């Protein structure tokens, strides 16, 4: 019989007397249109195929593989600039040489090809608000939502690389909190475009009368704000979801407030559950108290890189095999981009927990908690931890041991699922499918099939047939211009 702790780890909240009910995990593959992604240097491994990212067949094959295993979706990361902090300033050499998220292709372009080869797999695509006008982006996302039959999610980011800002007309990024202020207004414009400018029943296709769309069911909304002026209406007719599934990853104070109001799923990264548990709890509480949302309707997805073997020894051997291909230089480049800290300024043997930078100490402390056996944390120790799995947790073991770790994250951090990073592609995903998923299903932690075959991304994330648009409690639903409602009777939120 399972111990109390083990039994709790199997379960998720049901809101009654502190009791818990079992969660069915949401699983996405975490990728980027580059080689290596979270594991710099592993493109050199003889079994890795991530260097084929320029080939559409590579992506179609991956999508078909993941759908055959009933993954919820593919979560596609993106950056708009290079990692140029290490050995900086503005030095791209380490990233270019090692292939550390360089080069990177535009992710939205490949989604339609993957969607054409699948039926139910969702696609979460990262697009930054800071460098693109909302009118243009709303059209692109609506188009892809149409072409995927409603299987699109938008990972909303504000950007974090000054190299992107310099290439897009600025000398540096706007300040952090201003980026979120811009994003807040951006979302209002997007809701007006997607939800308010077309009535649900605007398109009638009346061939006898020659009426495609009733003009009185499409309207301008004339947004005039601090950052954007958009009269509307939206150029696309309403897509299956109207508003794509809204994904987000910010954990700053501004990011948490933004996520608590807007996000339907939130991506969190840390090397142990304790690192992210506080953020998860805070966002759920903000959602409940400040925005009137059911906190359980925000789905938290933790970054994890599972190395699964049929035995513990096999898993360890796989990890060691992968680690020998990891690029220290690439890892230091990624760390610099993620944190803004150039570790080249520190000595090779310097203990990073003793430097003056609070940012470095807090970052390294997260690693030290998850790997207490490391006596001294130098920049090379940090880099080695990044080379297999990147920013998230990396766990090597049997299917049972990895499933135990998944359950620990659910129990201790209250996450709802995982964005699974790869060490090698598609090998990591093949091991997860062949070894780990049967164990998760045996524990009733992962579904046997999609909740809605051919359904939208939102229907399958919430396991709720018919839930194509945002939930009624979500701010976007307040913008919806519903069928049969006259324009004068529908008040667009300001």
Protein backbone atom coordinates (compact mmCIF):
# COMPACT_ATOMS: atom_id res chain seq x y z
CA UNK A 1 0.00 0.00 0.00
CA UNK A 2 1.25 3.50 -0.86
CA UNK A 3 2.30 5.78 1.98
CA UNK A 4 0.34 8.96 2.66
CA UNK A 5 2.92 11.06 0.80
CA UNK A 6 2.94 8.66 -2.15
CA UNK A 7 -0.84 8.64 -2.31
CA UNK A 8 -1.02 12.44 -2.23
CA UNK A 9 1.49 12.61 -5.03
CA UNK A 10 -0.95 10.74 -7.24
CA UNK A 11 -3.62 13.33 -6.88
CA UNK A 12 -4.75 16.86 -7.69
CA UNK A 13 -7.07 19.20 -5.81
CA UNK A 14 -10.83 18.79 -5.93
CA UNK A 15 -11.50 21.64 -3.48
CA UNK A 16 -13.27 19.60 -0.78
CA UNK A 17 -11.85 19.20 2.71
CA UNK A 18 -8.33 19.32 1.37
CA UNK A 19 -8.89 15.98 -0.35
CA UNK A 20 -7.40 15.40 -3.75
CA UNK A 21 -8.41 13.79 -6.97
CA UNK A 22 -6.07 12.39 -9.56
CA UNK A 23 -4.90 14.73 -12.30
CA UNK A 24 -4.68 13.67 -15.91
CA UNK A 25 -1.42 15.22 -17.03
CA UNK A 26 -1.12 17.62 -19.95
CA UNK A 27 1.95 16.73 -22.02
CA UNK A 28 3.51 18.88 -24.73
CA UNK A 29 6.73 18.34 -26.64
CA UNK A 30 8.96 21.39 -26.11
CA UNK A 31 10.91 22.33 -29.22
CA UNK A 32 12.28 25.27 -31.18
CA UNK A 33 13.03 25.64 -34.88
CA UNK A 34 16.74 25.23 -34.26
CA UNK A 35 19.22 22.48 -33.44
CA UNK A 36 19.69 21.33 -29.87
CA UNK A 37 17.30 23.83 -28.24
CA UNK A 38 17.60 23.23 -24.45
CA UNK A 39 20.60 20.91 -24.74
CA UNK A 40 23.40 22.89 -26.44
CA UNK A 41 25.87 20.81 -28.39
CA UNK A 42 23.81 17.63 -28.52
CA UNK A 43 23.17 18.17 -32.21
CA UNK A 44 26.58 16.46 -32.51
CA UNK A 45 25.19 13.17 -31.17
CA UNK A 46 25.01 10.55 -33.95
CA UNK A 47 21.36 9.77 -33.14
CA UNK A 48 20.18 13.38 -33.04
CA UNK A 49 18.15 14.70 -35.96
CA UNK A 50 17.49 18.22 -34.71
CA UNK A 51 19.79 19.70 -37.36
CA UNK A 52 17.07 18.80 -39.88
CA UNK A 53 14.91 21.65 -38.58
CA UNK A 54 14.96 23.33 -42.00
CA UNK A 55 13.18 20.32 -43.54
CA UNK A 56 9.38 20.32 -43.36
CA UNK A 57 9.34 16.51 -43.45
CA UNK A 58 11.23 16.48 -40.14
CA UNK A 59 8.41 18.43 -38.49
CA UNK A 60 5.61 16.46 -40.10
CA UNK A 61 7.18 13.19 -38.92
CA UNK A 62 7.51 14.57 -35.38
CA UNK A 63 3.89 15.73 -35.33
CA UNK A 64 2.63 12.35 -36.50
CA UNK A 65 4.77 10.57 -33.89
CA UNK A 66 3.46 12.75 -31.07
CA UNK A 67 -0.17 12.45 -32.14
CA UNK A 68 0.14 8.66 -32.32
CA UNK A 69 1.07 8.81 -28.62
CA UNK A 70 -1.77 11.29 -27.82
CA UNK A 71 0.45 14.19 -26.79
CA UNK A 72 -1.65 17.29 -26.23
CA UNK A 73 0.56 19.44 -28.35
CA UNK A 74 3.86 20.78 -29.57
CA UNK A 75 5.02 23.88 -27.70
CA UNK A 76 7.33 25.82 -30.02
CA UNK A 77 9.69 28.29 -28.39
CA UNK A 78 11.19 31.23 -30.27
CA UNK A 79 13.66 34.09 -29.91
CA UNK A 80 14.12 37.12 -32.15
CA UNK A 81 17.80 37.64 -31.49
CA UNK A 82 21.01 35.85 -30.64
CA UNK A 83 22.51 35.06 -27.24
CA UNK A 84 25.27 37.69 -27.20
CA UNK A 85 25.93 38.33 -23.50
CA UNK A 86 28.67 35.75 -22.86
CA UNK A 87 32.13 37.19 -23.58
CA UNK A 88 30.18 40.32 -24.44
CA UNK A 89 29.03 42.87 -24.98
CA UNK A 90 27.27 42.00 -28.25
CA UNK A 91 29.40 38.95 -28.90
CA UNK A 92 27.56 36.20 -30.77
CA UNK A 93 30.60 33.99 -31.36
CA UNK A 94 29.83 31.39 -28.67
CA UNK A 95 26.22 30.95 -29.78
CA UNK A 96 27.10 30.85 -33.48
CA UNK A 97 29.96 28.41 -33.05
CA UNK A 98 28.11 25.99 -30.74
CA UNK A 99 24.68 26.26 -32.38
CA UNK A 100 23.10 27.48 -29.13
CA UNK A 101 19.66 28.44 -30.42
CA UNK A 102 21.37 29.74 -33.54
CA UNK A 103 20.22 29.73 -36.29
CA UNK A 104 16.48 29.88 -35.50
CA UNK A 105 13.59 29.80 -37.96
CA UNK A 106 10.17 31.44 -37.62
CA UNK A 107 7.87 28.86 -35.94
CA UNK A 108 4.39 29.71 -37.19
CA UNK A 109 5.32 28.88 -40.78
CA UNK A 110 5.58 25.12 -40.17
CA UNK A 111 2.37 24.68 -38.17
CA UNK A 112 0.00 24.28 -41.12
CA UNK A 113 2.13 21.47 -42.56
CA UNK A 114 2.07 19.62 -39.25
CA UNK A 115 -1.66 20.23 -38.87
CA UNK A 116 -2.38 18.84 -42.33
CA UNK A 117 -0.75 15.55 -41.30
CA UNK A 118 -2.59 15.29 -37.96
CA UNK A 119 -6.09 15.59 -36.58
CA UNK A 120 -6.02 16.39 -32.87
CA UNK A 121 -2.52 17.56 -31.91
CA UNK A 122 -2.34 21.17 -30.68
CA UNK A 123 0.34 23.74 -31.52
CA UNK A 124 1.53 26.38 -29.06
CA UNK A 125 3.60 29.02 -30.86
CA UNK A 126 5.71 31.73 -29.24
CA UNK A 127 5.27 35.26 -30.58
CA UNK A 128 6.47 38.43 -28.83
CA UNK A 129 4.14 41.39 -28.33
CA UNK A 130 6.88 44.01 -28.13
CA UNK A 131 7.94 44.01 -31.76
CA UNK A 132 4.79 43.41 -33.80
CA UNK A 133 1.58 45.36 -34.32
CA UNK A 134 -1.50 43.58 -32.90
CA UNK A 135 -3.58 44.06 -36.06
CA UNK A 136 -1.03 42.13 -38.10
CA UNK A 137 -0.46 39.36 -35.55
CA UNK A 138 -4.18 38.85 -34.95
CA UNK A 139 -4.62 38.15 -38.65
CA UNK A 140 -1.72 35.67 -38.77
CA UNK A 141 -2.95 33.77 -35.72
CA UNK A 142 -6.56 33.70 -36.89
CA UNK A 143 -5.45 32.37 -40.27
CA UNK A 144 -3.54 29.51 -38.66
CA UNK A 145 -6.41 28.82 -36.25
CA UNK A 146 -8.64 28.41 -39.32
CA UNK A 147 -6.16 26.18 -41.13
CA UNK A 148 -5.60 23.95 -38.07
CA UNK A 149 -9.35 23.75 -37.33
CA UNK A 150 -8.83 25.44 -33.99
CA UNK A 151 -5.67 23.77 -32.74
CA UNK A 152 -3.56 26.87 -32.13
CA UNK A 153 -2.17 28.30 -28.92
CA UNK A 154 -0.25 31.57 -28.55
CA UNK A 155 2.63 31.70 -26.08
CA UNK A 156 2.64 35.39 -25.19
CA UNK A 157 6.11 36.76 -24.47
CA UNK A 158 7.39 40.31 -24.17
CA UNK A 159 10.97 39.43 -25.20
CA UNK A 160 14.17 39.34 -23.18
CA UNK A 161 17.04 39.87 -25.62
CA UNK A 162 18.44 43.32 -26.39
CA UNK A 163 19.85 41.79 -29.59
CA UNK A 164 16.26 41.44 -30.82
CA UNK A 165 15.43 45.05 -29.96
CA UNK A 166 18.46 46.33 -31.88
CA UNK A 167 17.41 44.45 -34.99
CA UNK A 168 13.85 45.70 -34.78
CA UNK A 169 14.40 49.41 -34.61
CA UNK A 170 15.38 50.09 -30.99
CA UNK A 171 18.67 50.49 -29.18
CA UNK A 172 17.46 48.30 -26.31
CA UNK A 173 14.29 46.70 -24.99
CA UNK A 174 11.68 48.77 -23.19
CA UNK A 175 11.96 48.39 -19.42
CA UNK A 176 10.54 45.17 -18.00
CA UNK A 177 7.35 46.54 -16.44
CA UNK A 178 6.69 48.79 -19.43
CA UNK A 179 6.84 45.74 -21.69
CA UNK A 180 4.06 44.21 -19.60
CA UNK A 181 2.07 47.45 -19.71
CA UNK A 182 2.37 47.32 -23.48
CA UNK A 183 1.35 43.65 -23.45
CA UNK A 184 -1.71 44.45 -21.32
CA UNK A 185 -2.97 46.95 -23.88
CA UNK A 186 -1.92 44.59 -26.67
CA UNK A 187 -4.20 41.87 -25.31
CA UNK A 188 -7.13 44.27 -25.10
CA UNK A 189 -6.66 45.10 -28.78
CA UNK A 190 -6.41 41.40 -29.66
CA UNK A 191 -9.63 40.62 -27.78
CA UNK A 192 -11.39 43.45 -29.61
CA UNK A 193 -10.15 42.14 -32.95
CA UNK A 194 -10.91 38.48 -32.27
CA UNK A 195 -14.03 38.71 -30.14
CA UNK A 196 -15.72 42.11 -30.60
CA UNK A 197 -15.47 43.19 -34.22
CA UNK A 198 -17.40 40.28 -35.79
CA UNK A 199 -20.65 38.87 -34.49
CA UNK A 200 -20.70 35.09 -34.17
CA UNK A 201 -23.24 34.82 -37.01
CA UNK A 202 -21.85 37.56 -39.26
CA UNK A 203 -20.92 35.24 -42.12
CA UNK A 204 -24.07 33.80 -43.71
CA UNK A 205 -23.01 32.77 -47.26
CA UNK A 206 -26.51 33.44 -48.58
CA UNK A 207 -26.16 32.48 -52.23
CA UNK A 208 -29.72 33.41 -53.15
CA UNK A 209 -29.40 36.98 -51.86
CA UNK A 210 -25.71 37.31 -52.74
CA UNK A 211 -24.78 38.17 -49.15
CA UNK A 212 -21.51 36.78 -47.86
CA UNK A 213 -21.44 38.74 -44.58
CA UNK A 214 -23.99 41.12 -43.06
CA UNK A 215 -22.28 44.53 -42.79
CA UNK A 216 -24.17 45.41 -39.58
CA UNK A 217 -22.57 42.37 -37.92
CA UNK A 218 -19.02 43.68 -38.48
CA UNK A 219 -17.87 46.91 -36.86
CA UNK A 220 -15.04 49.20 -35.98
CA UNK A 221 -14.12 49.43 -32.31
CA UNK A 222 -11.75 52.42 -32.57
CA UNK A 223 -9.19 51.57 -29.94
CA UNK A 224 -7.02 54.55 -28.95
CA UNK A 225 -4.55 53.81 -26.18
CA UNK A 226 -1.13 54.79 -24.92
CA UNK A 227 0.72 52.38 -27.19
CA UNK A 228 -1.71 51.37 -29.97
CA UNK A 229 -4.33 52.97 -32.17
CA UNK A 230 -6.41 50.37 -34.00
CA UNK A 231 -9.83 51.24 -35.44
CA UNK A 232 -10.63 47.69 -36.60
CA UNK A 233 -12.46 45.63 -37.61
CA UNK A 234 -10.49 42.40 -37.78
CA UNK A 235 -9.58 41.35 -41.30
CA UNK A 236 -10.43 37.67 -40.68
CA UNK A 237 -13.82 36.16 -39.95
CA UNK A 238 -14.04 34.40 -36.57
CA UNK A 239 -11.87 31.29 -36.41
CA UNK A 240 -12.89 28.08 -34.59
CA UNK A 241 -11.47 29.27 -31.24
CA UNK A 242 -11.66 33.00 -32.05
CA UNK A 243 -9.04 33.60 -29.33
CA UNK A 244 -6.30 30.93 -29.51
CA UNK A 245 -5.34 29.15 -26.29
CA UNK A 246 -3.37 31.73 -24.30
CA UNK A 247 -0.04 30.52 -22.92
CA UNK A 248 2.42 32.53 -20.85
CA UNK A 249 5.67 32.12 -18.94
CA UNK A 250 6.38 35.22 -16.83
CA UNK A 251 7.20 34.84 -13.13
CA UNK A 252 8.06 38.45 -12.21
CA UNK A 253 5.49 40.48 -10.26
CA UNK A 254 4.24 42.06 -13.49
CA UNK A 255 4.33 38.69 -15.24
CA UNK A 256 2.32 37.01 -12.50
CA UNK A 257 -0.40 39.67 -12.60
CA UNK A 258 -0.55 39.40 -16.37
CA UNK A 259 -0.75 35.60 -16.25
CA UNK A 260 -3.35 35.55 -13.48
CA UNK A 261 -5.67 37.59 -15.68
CA UNK A 262 -4.98 36.25 -19.16
CA UNK A 263 -3.15 32.90 -19.20
CA UNK A 264 -4.95 29.61 -19.66
CA UNK A 265 -1.71 27.66 -19.36
CA UNK A 266 1.55 28.83 -17.80
CA UNK A 267 5.00 27.47 -18.56
CA UNK A 268 7.28 27.23 -15.48
CA UNK A 269 10.93 26.21 -15.30
CA UNK A 270 13.09 25.21 -12.36
CA UNK A 271 15.35 22.38 -11.29
CA UNK A 272 13.12 21.26 -8.44
CA UNK A 273 9.44 21.62 -7.48
CA UNK A 274 10.34 23.91 -4.59
CA UNK A 275 11.71 26.46 -7.04
CA UNK A 276 8.36 26.90 -8.82
CA UNK A 277 5.80 25.97 -6.12
CA UNK A 278 5.61 29.49 -4.68
CA UNK A 279 5.02 31.04 -8.11
CA UNK A 280 2.30 28.53 -8.92
CA UNK A 281 0.50 29.20 -5.64
CA UNK A 282 0.80 32.98 -6.00
CA UNK A 283 -0.63 33.05 -9.53
CA UNK A 284 -3.51 30.77 -8.59
CA UNK A 285 -4.34 33.04 -5.64
CA UNK A 286 -4.10 36.19 -7.75
CA UNK A 287 -6.40 34.64 -10.34
CA UNK A 288 -8.97 33.86 -7.65
CA UNK A 289 -8.85 37.06 -5.62
CA UNK A 290 -8.10 39.69 -8.26
CA UNK A 291 -9.75 38.36 -11.40
CA UNK A 292 -12.52 36.07 -10.22
CA UNK A 293 -11.14 32.99 -11.93
CA UNK A 294 -11.19 29.41 -10.73
CA UNK A 295 -7.47 28.86 -10.03
CA UNK A 296 -7.72 25.26 -11.20
CA UNK A 297 -8.58 26.49 -14.68
CA UNK A 298 -5.04 27.80 -15.08
CA UNK A 299 -2.90 24.88 -16.19
CA UNK A 300 0.75 24.94 -15.10
CA UNK A 301 3.26 23.08 -17.25
CA UNK A 302 6.75 22.42 -15.90
CA UNK A 303 9.82 22.08 -18.11
CA UNK A 304 11.43 18.66 -17.75
CA UNK A 305 13.89 16.55 -19.72
CA UNK A 306 13.37 12.83 -18.99
CA UNK A 307 16.13 10.35 -19.82
CA UNK A 308 14.34 7.01 -19.65
CA UNK A 309 15.91 3.57 -19.69
CA UNK A 310 14.67 0.03 -19.19
CA UNK A 311 16.97 -0.13 -16.18
CA UNK A 312 18.56 2.52 -13.98
CA UNK A 313 21.94 1.58 -15.42
CA UNK A 314 20.70 2.04 -18.98
CA UNK A 315 19.27 5.46 -18.15
CA UNK A 316 22.51 6.54 -16.48
CA UNK A 317 24.51 5.32 -19.46
CA UNK A 318 22.26 7.33 -21.80
CA UNK A 319 22.70 10.45 -19.71
CA UNK A 320 26.48 10.06 -19.63
CA UNK A 321 26.52 9.44 -23.37
CA UNK A 322 24.53 12.60 -24.01
CA UNK A 323 26.56 14.69 -21.58
CA UNK A 324 29.83 14.08 -23.44
CA UNK A 325 28.43 15.97 -26.44
CA UNK A 326 27.23 18.96 -24.43
CA UNK A 327 28.78 22.31 -25.28
CA UNK A 328 30.03 24.25 -22.26
CA UNK A 329 30.47 27.32 -24.44
CA UNK A 330 26.91 27.00 -25.74
CA UNK A 331 25.56 26.54 -22.22
CA UNK A 332 27.33 29.69 -21.03
CA UNK A 333 25.91 31.58 -24.01
CA UNK A 334 22.39 30.42 -23.14
CA UNK A 335 22.85 31.30 -19.47
CA UNK A 336 23.95 34.80 -20.45
CA UNK A 337 20.89 35.31 -22.64
CA UNK A 338 18.48 33.90 -20.06
CA UNK A 339 19.85 35.94 -17.15
CA UNK A 340 21.70 38.88 -18.69
CA UNK A 341 24.81 37.78 -16.73
CA UNK A 342 28.18 37.27 -18.43
CA UNK A 343 29.88 34.44 -16.57
CA UNK A 344 33.06 35.08 -18.56
CA UNK A 345 33.85 37.81 -16.03
CA UNK A 346 34.28 35.21 -13.27
CA UNK A 347 37.27 32.94 -12.71
CA UNK A 348 36.98 29.31 -13.73
CA UNK A 349 37.19 28.04 -10.14
CA UNK A 350 35.25 30.88 -8.46
CA UNK A 351 32.44 29.83 -6.14
CA UNK A 352 29.38 31.53 -7.61
CA UNK A 353 27.39 31.32 -4.40
CA UNK A 354 29.85 33.81 -2.90
CA UNK A 355 29.82 36.50 -5.61
CA UNK A 356 28.17 39.87 -5.04
CA UNK A 357 25.42 39.39 -7.63
CA UNK A 358 22.08 38.44 -6.05
CA UNK A 359 20.88 37.32 -9.46
CA UNK A 360 23.69 34.79 -9.80
CA UNK A 361 23.36 33.56 -6.23
CA UNK A 362 19.60 33.01 -6.58
CA UNK A 363 20.01 31.23 -9.92
CA UNK A 364 22.76 28.95 -8.63
CA UNK A 365 20.87 28.26 -5.41
CA UNK A 366 18.11 26.67 -7.47
CA UNK A 367 20.61 24.23 -8.95
CA UNK A 368 22.30 23.55 -5.63
CA UNK A 369 18.99 22.52 -4.02
CA UNK A 370 18.34 20.00 -6.75
CA UNK A 371 21.90 18.66 -6.73
CA UNK A 372 23.09 18.82 -3.10
CA UNK A 373 26.09 16.59 -3.81
CA UNK A 374 27.92 19.32 -5.72
CA UNK A 375 30.45 20.88 -3.36
CA UNK A 376 31.43 23.90 -5.43
CA UNK A 377 29.34 25.74 -8.00
CA UNK A 378 31.54 27.36 -10.62
CA UNK A 379 30.51 28.65 -14.03
CA UNK A 380 31.53 25.30 -15.54
CA UNK A 381 29.40 23.41 -12.99
CA UNK A 382 26.43 25.53 -13.97
CA UNK A 383 27.17 25.02 -17.66
CA UNK A 384 27.37 21.24 -17.27
CA UNK A 385 23.93 21.26 -15.66
CA UNK A 386 22.54 23.21 -18.61
CA UNK A 387 24.00 21.00 -21.33
CA UNK A 388 21.38 18.26 -20.87
CA UNK A 389 17.95 19.74 -20.25
CA UNK A 390 18.69 23.45 -20.06
CA UNK A 391 16.63 25.59 -17.69
CA UNK A 392 14.42 22.79 -16.42
CA UNK A 393 14.80 19.62 -14.42
CA UNK A 394 16.57 16.65 -15.96
CA UNK A 395 15.69 13.24 -14.55
CA UNK A 396 17.32 9.96 -15.57
CA UNK A 397 15.86 6.63 -14.53
CA UNK A 398 13.46 3.83 -15.29
CA UNK A 399 9.92 4.58 -16.36
CA UNK A 400 8.80 4.00 -12.80
CA UNK A 401 11.42 6.36 -11.37
CA UNK A 402 10.64 9.10 -13.89
CA UNK A 403 6.91 8.69 -13.27
CA UNK A 404 7.62 9.05 -9.54
CA UNK A 405 9.37 12.34 -10.31
CA UNK A 406 6.43 13.54 -12.39
CA UNK A 407 4.14 12.75 -9.46
CA UNK A 408 6.45 14.60 -7.07
CA UNK A 409 6.16 17.73 -9.17
CA UNK A 410 2.38 17.45 -9.15
CA UNK A 411 2.27 16.90 -5.39
CA UNK A 412 4.86 19.51 -4.35
CA UNK A 413 4.42 22.23 -6.99
CA UNK A 414 0.78 21.66 -8.01
CA UNK A 415 1.61 21.57 -11.71
CA UNK A 416 -0.87 20.14 -14.20
CA UNK A 417 1.54 18.71 -16.73
CA UNK A 418 4.87 19.09 -18.48
CA UNK A 419 6.60 20.61 -21.45
CA UNK A 420 9.00 17.80 -22.29
CA UNK A 421 12.39 18.96 -23.57
CA UNK A 422 14.57 16.59 -25.53
CA UNK A 423 18.20 15.66 -25.14
CA UNK A 424 18.21 14.14 -28.62
CA UNK A 425 15.43 14.41 -31.16
CA UNK A 426 13.34 12.40 -31.71
CA UNK A 427 15.05 9.81 -29.47
CA UNK A 428 13.97 11.40 -26.19
CA UNK A 429 10.35 11.52 -27.35
CA UNK A 430 10.52 7.91 -28.61
CA UNK A 431 11.73 6.77 -25.18
CA UNK A 432 8.96 8.73 -23.47
CA UNK A 433 6.35 7.20 -25.77
CA UNK A 434 7.62 3.62 -25.57
CA UNK A 435 8.68 3.48 -21.93
CA UNK A 436 7.20 6.31 -19.84
CA UNK A 437 3.66 6.74 -21.19
CA UNK A 438 2.65 3.12 -20.48
CA UNK A 439 3.73 3.65 -16.85
CA UNK A 440 1.81 6.94 -16.59
CA UNK A 441 -1.28 5.28 -18.05
CA UNK A 442 -0.94 2.39 -15.61
CA UNK A 443 -1.12 4.99 -12.83
CA UNK A 444 -4.10 6.74 -14.49
CA UNK A 445 -1.99 9.85 -14.96
CA UNK A 446 -2.33 10.15 -18.75
CA UNK A 447 -5.26 9.64 -21.04
CA UNK A 448 -5.60 6.83 -23.57
CA UNK A 449 -6.98 9.10 -26.27
CA UNK A 450 -7.91 12.69 -26.97
CA UNK A 451 -10.96 13.95 -25.10
CA UNK A 452 -12.24 15.35 -28.41
CA UNK A 453 -11.04 13.62 -31.56
CA UNK A 454 -10.37 16.34 -34.11
CA UNK A 455 -11.18 18.91 -31.43
CA UNK A 456 -9.64 22.26 -30.71
CA UNK A 457 -6.55 22.70 -28.58
CA UNK A 458 -8.70 24.27 -25.85
CA UNK A 459 -11.24 21.43 -25.84
CA UNK A 460 -8.47 18.90 -25.29
CA UNK A 461 -6.55 20.92 -22.70
CA UNK A 462 -9.73 21.33 -20.63
CA UNK A 463 -11.08 17.89 -21.65
CA UNK A 464 -14.35 19.68 -22.36
CA UNK A 465 -16.19 18.99 -25.63
CA UNK A 466 -17.67 22.18 -27.05
CA UNK A 467 -15.34 24.51 -25.14
CA UNK A 468 -13.83 26.08 -28.25
CA UNK A 469 -13.63 29.65 -26.95
CA UNK A 470 -12.24 30.93 -23.64
CA UNK A 471 -14.11 29.93 -20.49
CA UNK A 472 -16.98 32.17 -19.40
CA UNK A 473 -14.90 33.43 -16.45
CA UNK A 474 -12.01 34.50 -18.70
CA UNK A 475 -11.62 38.17 -19.56
CA UNK A 476 -11.72 37.42 -23.31
CA UNK A 477 -15.27 36.09 -23.04
CA UNK A 478 -16.46 39.54 -21.94
CA UNK A 479 -15.52 40.84 -25.39
CA UNK A 480 -17.47 38.20 -27.34
CA UNK A 481 -20.12 39.58 -29.71
CA UNK A 482 -22.61 36.77 -29.70
CA UNK A 483 -25.13 35.73 -32.32
CA UNK A 484 -28.39 37.63 -32.33
CA UNK A 485 -27.12 40.60 -30.29
CA UNK A 486 -27.42 44.01 -31.91
CA UNK A 487 -24.30 46.15 -31.94
CA UNK A 488 -25.98 48.78 -29.78
CA UNK A 489 -26.66 46.16 -27.13
CA UNK A 490 -23.10 44.83 -26.95
CA UNK A 491 -20.76 46.97 -24.90
CA UNK A 492 -17.10 46.46 -25.79
CA UNK A 493 -14.91 46.61 -22.66
CA UNK A 494 -12.58 49.61 -22.71
